[in-house]
C-alpha atoms as a PDB file:
ATOM      1  CA  MET A   1       7.696  17.261 -23.550  1.00  0.00           C
ATOM      2  CA  THR A   2       5.535  14.712 -21.446  1.00  0.00           C
ATOM      3  CA  TYR A   3       5.354  11.116 -22.335  1.00  0.00           C
ATOM      4  CA  PRO A   4       2.351   8.866 -20.620  1.00  0.00           C
ATOM      5  CA  LEU A   5       3.433   6.893 -18.741  1.00  0.00           C
ATOM      6  CA  SER A   6       1.838   3.377 -17.490  1.00  0.00           C
ATOM      7  CA  ALA A   7       2.001   1.206 -13.794  1.00  0.00           C
ATOM      8  CA  CYS A   8       1.487  -2.697 -14.073  1.00  0.00           C
ATOM      9  CA  CYS A   9       1.123  -4.944 -11.638  1.00  0.00           C
ATOM     10  CA  PHE A  10       0.084  -8.628 -10.659  1.00  0.00           C
ATOM     11  CA  ILE A  11      -1.864  -9.434  -6.975  1.00  0.00           C
ATOM     12  CA  ARG A  12      -2.752 -12.775  -5.731  1.00  0.00           C
ATOM     13  CA  ASN A  13      -4.810 -12.442  -1.965  1.00  0.00           C
ATOM     14  CA  ASN A  14      -3.732  -9.190  -0.596  1.00  0.00           C
ATOM     15  CA  SER A  15      -7.220  -8.259   1.060  1.00  0.00           C
ATOM     16  CA  VAL A  16      -5.066  -6.444   4.263  1.00  0.00           C
ATOM     17  CA  GLY A  17      -4.301  -3.547   0.985  1.00  0.00           C
ATOM     18  CA  PHE A  18      -0.752  -2.161   2.511  1.00  0.00           C
ATOM     19  CA  CYS A  19       1.183  -3.331  -0.640  1.00  0.00           C
ATOM     20  CA  LEU A  20      -1.723  -2.696  -3.061  1.00  0.00           C
ATOM     21  CA  PHE A  21      -3.003   1.128  -1.277  1.00  0.00           C
ATOM     22  CA  GLU A  22       0.895   2.343  -0.866  1.00  0.00           C
ATOM     23  CA  SER A  23       1.678   1.117  -4.536  1.00  0.00           C
ATOM     24  CA  MET A  24      -1.908   3.162  -5.873  1.00  0.00           C
ATOM     25  CA  ALA A  25      -0.877   5.696  -3.422  1.00  0.00           C
ATOM     26  CA  SER A  26       2.458   6.291  -4.886  1.00  0.00           C
ATOM     27  CA  LEU A  27       1.878   5.632  -8.606  1.00  0.00           C
ATOM     28  CA  LEU A  28      -1.300   6.731  -9.776  1.00  0.00           C
ATOM     29  CA  PRO A  29      -0.482  10.887  -9.335  1.00  0.00           C
ATOM     30  CA  LEU A  30       2.376  10.036 -11.597  1.00  0.00           C
ATOM     31  CA  CYS A  31       0.659   7.941 -14.379  1.00  0.00           C
ATOM     32  CA  GLN A  32      -1.959   7.983 -16.473  1.00  0.00           C
ATOM     33  CA  GLN A  33      -3.318   4.020 -16.421  1.00  0.00           C
ATOM     34  CA  MET A  34      -2.270   1.620 -13.899  1.00  0.00           C
ATOM     35  CA  ILE A  35      -3.519  -1.999 -15.239  1.00  0.00           C
ATOM     36  CA  ILE A  36      -4.175  -4.599 -11.889  1.00  0.00           C
ATOM     37  CA  MET A  37      -4.058  -8.116 -13.296  1.00  0.00           C
ATOM     38  CA  ASP A  38      -5.132 -10.586 -10.212  1.00  0.00           C
ATOM     39  CA  LEU A  39      -4.412 -13.987 -10.563  1.00  0.00           C
ATOM     40  CA  GLY A  40      -6.727 -16.011  -8.180  1.00  0.00           C
ATOM     41  CA  SER A  41      -7.337 -14.223  -5.054  1.00  0.00           C
ATOM     42  CA  ASP A  42      -9.955 -15.483  -3.283  1.00  0.00           C
ATOM     43  CA  ASP A  43      -9.334 -13.555  -0.188  1.00  0.00           C
ATOM     44  CA  GLY A  44     -11.169 -10.511  -1.032  1.00  0.00           C
ATOM     45  CA  THR A  45      -9.184  -8.826  -2.965  1.00  0.00           C
ATOM     46  CA  LEU A  46     -10.631  -8.025  -6.553  1.00  0.00           C
ATOM     47  CA  GLU A  47     -13.422  -7.291  -4.802  1.00  0.00           C
ATOM     48  CA  ILE A  48     -12.080  -4.116  -3.148  1.00  0.00           C
ATOM     49  CA  LEU A  49      -9.999  -3.879  -6.464  1.00  0.00           C
ATOM     50  CA  TYR A  50     -13.663  -3.761  -8.712  1.00  0.00           C
ATOM     51  CA  ASP A  51     -14.530  -1.431  -6.562  1.00  0.00           C
ATOM     52  CA  ILE A  52     -11.210   0.704  -6.457  1.00  0.00           C
ATOM     53  CA  SER A  53     -11.472   0.534 -10.435  1.00  0.00           C
ATOM     54  CA  LYS A  54     -15.463   1.893 -10.575  1.00  0.00           C
ATOM     55  CA  ASN A  55     -14.287   5.037  -8.417  1.00  0.00           C
ATOM     56  CA  ASN A  56     -10.482   5.601 -10.196  1.00  0.00           C
ATOM     57  CA  PRO A  57     -11.230   5.811 -13.858  1.00  0.00           C
ATOM     58  CA  LYS A  58      -6.950   5.440 -14.217  1.00  0.00           C
ATOM     59  CA  VAL A  59      -7.413   1.627 -12.913  1.00  0.00           C
ATOM     60  CA  SER A  60      -8.325  -1.444 -14.761  1.00  0.00           C
ATOM     61  CA  VAL A  61      -8.163  -4.668 -13.792  1.00  0.00           C
ATOM     62  CA  ILE A  62      -7.768  -8.055 -15.290  1.00  0.00           C
ATOM     63  CA  TYR A  63      -8.864 -11.192 -14.098  1.00  0.00           C
ATOM     64  CA  MET A  64      -6.645 -14.487 -14.742  1.00  0.00           C
ATOM     65  CA  GLY A  65      -8.167 -16.655 -12.651  1.00  0.00           C
ATOM     66  CA  SER A  66      -5.645 -19.080 -10.900  1.00  0.00           C
ATOM     67  CA  PHE A  67      -1.548 -18.229 -10.489  1.00  0.00           C
ATOM     68  CA  PRO A  68       0.257 -20.643 -12.836  1.00  0.00           C
ATOM     69  CA  PHE A  69       2.550 -21.558 -10.320  1.00  0.00           C
ATOM     70  CA  THR A  70       4.082 -24.864 -11.507  1.00  0.00           C
ATOM     71  CA  ASP A  71       4.831 -23.227 -14.698  1.00  0.00           C
ATOM     72  CA  ALA A  72       7.399 -20.649 -15.418  1.00  0.00           C
ATOM     73  CA  ASN A  73       7.284 -19.720 -18.706  1.00  0.00           C
ATOM     74  CA  VAL A  74       2.800 -19.279 -18.722  1.00  0.00           C
ATOM     75  CA  PHE A  75       4.221 -16.641 -16.249  1.00  0.00           C
ATOM     76  CA  ALA A  76       6.176 -15.165 -18.314  1.00  0.00           C
ATOM     77  CA  THR A  77       3.930 -14.943 -21.239  1.00  0.00           C
ATOM     78  CA  LEU A  78       1.259 -13.464 -18.490  1.00  0.00           C
ATOM     79  CA  ALA A  79       3.987 -10.798 -17.628  1.00  0.00           C
ATOM     80  CA  ASN A  80       4.592  -9.934 -21.792  1.00  0.00           C
ATOM     81  CA  ASP A  81       0.495  -9.440 -22.521  1.00  0.00           C
ATOM     82  CA  LEU A  82       0.725  -7.272 -18.869  1.00  0.00           C
ATOM     83  CA  ILE A  83       3.457  -5.328 -20.107  1.00  0.00           C
ATOM     84  CA  ALA A  84       1.808  -4.975 -24.108  1.00  0.00           C
ATOM     85  CA  MET A  85      -1.548  -3.246 -22.628  1.00  0.00           C
ATOM     86  CA  CYS A  86       0.418  -1.019 -21.313  1.00  0.00           C
END
């Protein structure tokens, strides 16, 4: 019996791509979906993610605006929301 597997992550300003592409290359063969929540990238990362999601139906991108640097409760809520989407 197989079970569906989802992956999710937060990202912000990673246009150089190493962490993003390595994570995706490792996880996508194993999972049915990967949800990436962008927390306010302003360096081209969001555009790269949208291009990837257009070409790979397993990848979904959610743009949340700015990163909640000052409030750990908001970050925890976002993390729980992201996990619930999986």
